[in-house]
């Protein structure tokens, strides 16, 4: 409840949310970071200046681009094209974006109190030359299942 008093309240569509985090039981320890943009950038500075943390930025896994520019994963970072590191996180009614260009000494954090903050964040990144993709706006919706009686989650887990 404390987050409702000293911070921007998250919104889902146009409705303010009363919870700020997804369930802690469903996440590994330490994965629910909550901080100001200033503190997030201090965290980045530490990651980039401590030689012991260099290995956390090394590519570990290539990934297909599902629309937000992630081309791979390091141990602690999402990897984007052109040497850009970052992470995008979401909680109840909020979305946070971080992009880092180590070769330029540039780090940008965009924190939004809306799950619809994607266009704003990418406009900021494009304006700063971090990204060059022009269309991060919502694309086509997934096509519904032909047989709505099939539960794809149940089928995969069976």
Protein backbone atom coordinates (compact mmCIF):
# COMPACT_ATOMS: atom_id res chain seq x y z
CA UNK A 1 0.00 0.00 0.00
CA UNK A 2 2.91 2.36 0.58
CA UNK A 3 3.50 2.83 -3.12
CA UNK A 4 0.05 4.40 -3.43
CA UNK A 5 1.12 7.35 -1.28
CA UNK A 6 4.54 8.55 -2.47
CA UNK A 7 4.73 7.49 -6.11
CA UNK A 8 2.76 7.57 -9.33
CA UNK A 9 -0.01 5.00 -9.24
CA UNK A 10 -0.01 2.49 -12.07
CA UNK A 11 -2.87 2.30 -14.53
CA UNK A 12 -4.30 -0.60 -16.50
CA UNK A 13 -6.00 1.07 -19.44
CA UNK A 14 -7.49 4.09 -17.61
CA UNK A 15 -8.14 2.41 -14.26
CA UNK A 16 -5.72 3.01 -11.36
CA UNK A 17 -4.39 -0.19 -9.85
CA UNK A 18 -4.27 -0.85 -6.13
CA UNK A 19 -1.37 -3.30 -6.34
CA UNK A 20 2.06 -2.41 -7.63
CA UNK A 21 3.76 -5.78 -8.03
CA UNK A 22 3.00 -9.15 -9.42
CA UNK A 23 2.90 -11.97 -6.90
CA UNK A 24 6.21 -12.41 -5.09
CA UNK A 25 5.60 -16.16 -4.90
CA UNK A 26 5.97 -16.45 -8.68
CA UNK A 27 9.36 -14.76 -9.03
CA UNK A 28 12.93 -15.60 -8.07
CA UNK A 29 14.52 -13.65 -5.25
CA UNK A 30 15.66 -10.19 -6.23
CA UNK A 31 13.65 -9.89 -9.41
CA UNK A 32 11.24 -7.27 -8.10
CA UNK A 33 13.37 -4.15 -8.13
CA UNK A 34 11.54 -0.99 -7.13
CA UNK A 35 13.48 2.26 -7.35
CA UNK A 36 13.58 5.73 -8.82
CA UNK A 37 15.08 6.42 -12.25
CA UNK A 38 18.05 8.03 -10.45
CA UNK A 39 18.70 4.89 -8.40
CA UNK A 40 18.26 2.68 -11.46
CA UNK A 41 20.92 4.67 -13.30
CA UNK A 42 23.24 4.37 -10.27
CA UNK A 43 22.70 0.60 -10.48
CA UNK A 44 23.69 0.75 -14.17
CA UNK A 45 26.80 2.81 -13.36
CA UNK A 46 27.86 0.14 -10.89
CA UNK A 47 27.34 -2.61 -13.49
CA UNK A 48 29.40 -0.76 -16.07
CA UNK A 49 32.28 0.33 -13.84
CA UNK A 50 32.88 -2.80 -11.76
CA UNK A 51 35.17 -5.12 -13.78
CA UNK A 52 33.85 -8.12 -11.84
CA UNK A 53 30.44 -7.61 -13.48
CA UNK A 54 31.66 -7.56 -17.11
CA UNK A 55 30.70 -11.22 -17.61
CA UNK A 56 27.06 -10.34 -16.89
CA UNK A 57 26.97 -8.42 -20.20
CA UNK A 58 28.39 -11.23 -22.36
CA UNK A 59 25.89 -12.76 -24.82
CA UNK A 60 24.56 -16.12 -23.66
CA UNK A 61 21.56 -16.78 -25.87
CA UNK A 62 20.29 -15.52 -29.21
CA UNK A 63 16.59 -14.74 -29.35
CA UNK A 64 14.10 -14.05 -32.14
CA UNK A 65 12.82 -10.49 -32.19
CA UNK A 66 9.25 -10.61 -30.89
CA UNK A 67 8.70 -6.92 -31.62
CA UNK A 68 10.58 -4.96 -28.99
CA UNK A 69 14.08 -5.36 -30.41
CA UNK A 70 15.56 -8.00 -28.09
CA UNK A 71 18.06 -10.06 -30.10
CA UNK A 72 19.59 -12.04 -27.24
CA UNK A 73 20.20 -12.44 -23.53
CA UNK A 74 23.20 -11.99 -21.29
CA UNK A 75 23.19 -13.16 -17.68
CA UNK A 76 21.79 -9.87 -16.39
CA UNK A 77 20.70 -7.99 -19.50
CA UNK A 78 18.50 -8.10 -22.55
CA UNK A 79 20.62 -7.51 -25.65
CA UNK A 80 19.47 -5.21 -28.44
CA UNK A 81 21.16 -4.48 -31.76
CA UNK A 82 24.19 -2.21 -32.14
CA UNK A 83 25.65 -3.06 -28.71
CA UNK A 84 22.67 -1.75 -26.74
CA UNK A 85 21.91 -3.42 -23.40
CA UNK A 86 18.80 -3.00 -21.34
CA UNK A 87 15.74 -4.44 -19.77
CA UNK A 88 12.02 -3.87 -19.88
CA UNK A 89 9.97 -4.68 -16.83
CA UNK A 90 6.29 -4.60 -16.09
CA UNK A 91 4.25 -4.67 -12.93
CA UNK A 92 0.62 -3.96 -12.16
CA UNK A 93 -0.18 -0.87 -14.19
CA UNK A 94 3.43 0.23 -14.70
CA UNK A 95 6.15 -0.39 -17.25
CA UNK A 96 9.86 0.44 -16.99
CA UNK A 97 12.39 0.63 -19.80
CA UNK A 98 16.16 0.79 -19.54
CA UNK A 99 18.59 1.12 -22.44
CA UNK A 100 22.35 1.37 -22.08
CA UNK A 101 24.99 2.05 -24.72
CA UNK A 102 28.27 1.26 -22.92
CA UNK A 103 30.46 2.50 -25.81
CA UNK A 104 28.84 5.95 -25.56
CA UNK A 105 28.55 6.07 -21.77
CA UNK A 106 24.81 6.54 -22.25
CA UNK A 107 22.02 5.10 -20.10
CA UNK A 108 18.37 6.07 -20.29
CA UNK A 109 15.56 5.00 -17.97
CA UNK A 110 11.91 5.62 -18.82
CA UNK A 111 9.44 4.78 -16.08
CA UNK A 112 5.74 4.94 -16.89
CA UNK A 113 2.65 4.55 -14.74
CA UNK A 114 0.85 2.79 -17.56
CA UNK A 115 1.23 -0.55 -19.25
CA UNK A 116 0.67 1.42 -22.47
CA UNK A 117 3.99 3.26 -22.16
CA UNK A 118 5.72 1.43 -25.01
CA UNK A 119 5.28 4.16 -27.67
CA UNK A 120 6.56 6.89 -25.32
CA UNK A 121 9.65 4.93 -24.30
CA UNK A 122 10.60 4.07 -27.85
CA UNK A 123 10.03 7.66 -29.00
CA UNK A 124 12.54 8.74 -26.34
CA UNK A 125 15.04 6.06 -27.39
CA UNK A 126 14.65 6.97 -31.07
CA UNK A 127 15.12 10.68 -30.31
CA UNK A 128 18.38 9.91 -28.49
CA UNK A 129 19.65 7.70 -31.30
CA UNK A 130 19.56 4.54 -29.18
CA UNK A 131 16.99 2.90 -31.44
CA UNK A 132 16.15 3.45 -35.04
CA UNK A 133 12.98 1.43 -35.38
CA UNK A 134 10.09 3.66 -36.31
CA UNK A 135 7.10 1.50 -35.41
CA UNK A 136 6.86 0.04 -31.92
CA UNK A 137 3.15 0.67 -31.76
CA UNK A 138 0.72 -2.19 -31.27
CA UNK A 139 0.63 -4.45 -34.31
CA UNK A 140 -1.85 -7.06 -35.38
CA UNK A 141 -3.62 -9.00 -32.66
CA UNK A 142 -3.08 -12.76 -32.44
CA UNK A 143 -5.53 -14.84 -34.44
CA UNK A 144 -7.98 -16.69 -32.15
CA UNK A 145 -7.89 -20.48 -32.02
CA UNK A 146 -10.08 -22.23 -34.56
CA UNK A 147 -11.36 -24.64 -31.91
CA UNK A 148 -12.06 -22.61 -28.74
CA UNK A 149 -12.64 -25.89 -26.85
CA UNK A 150 -8.88 -26.55 -26.85
CA UNK A 151 -6.90 -25.07 -23.98
CA UNK A 152 -3.37 -24.56 -25.42
CA UNK A 153 -1.83 -24.15 -21.96
CA UNK A 154 -3.33 -27.41 -20.76
CA UNK A 155 -2.20 -29.16 -23.97
CA UNK A 156 1.40 -27.95 -23.56
CA UNK A 157 1.56 -28.92 -19.87
CA UNK A 158 -0.05 -32.35 -20.39
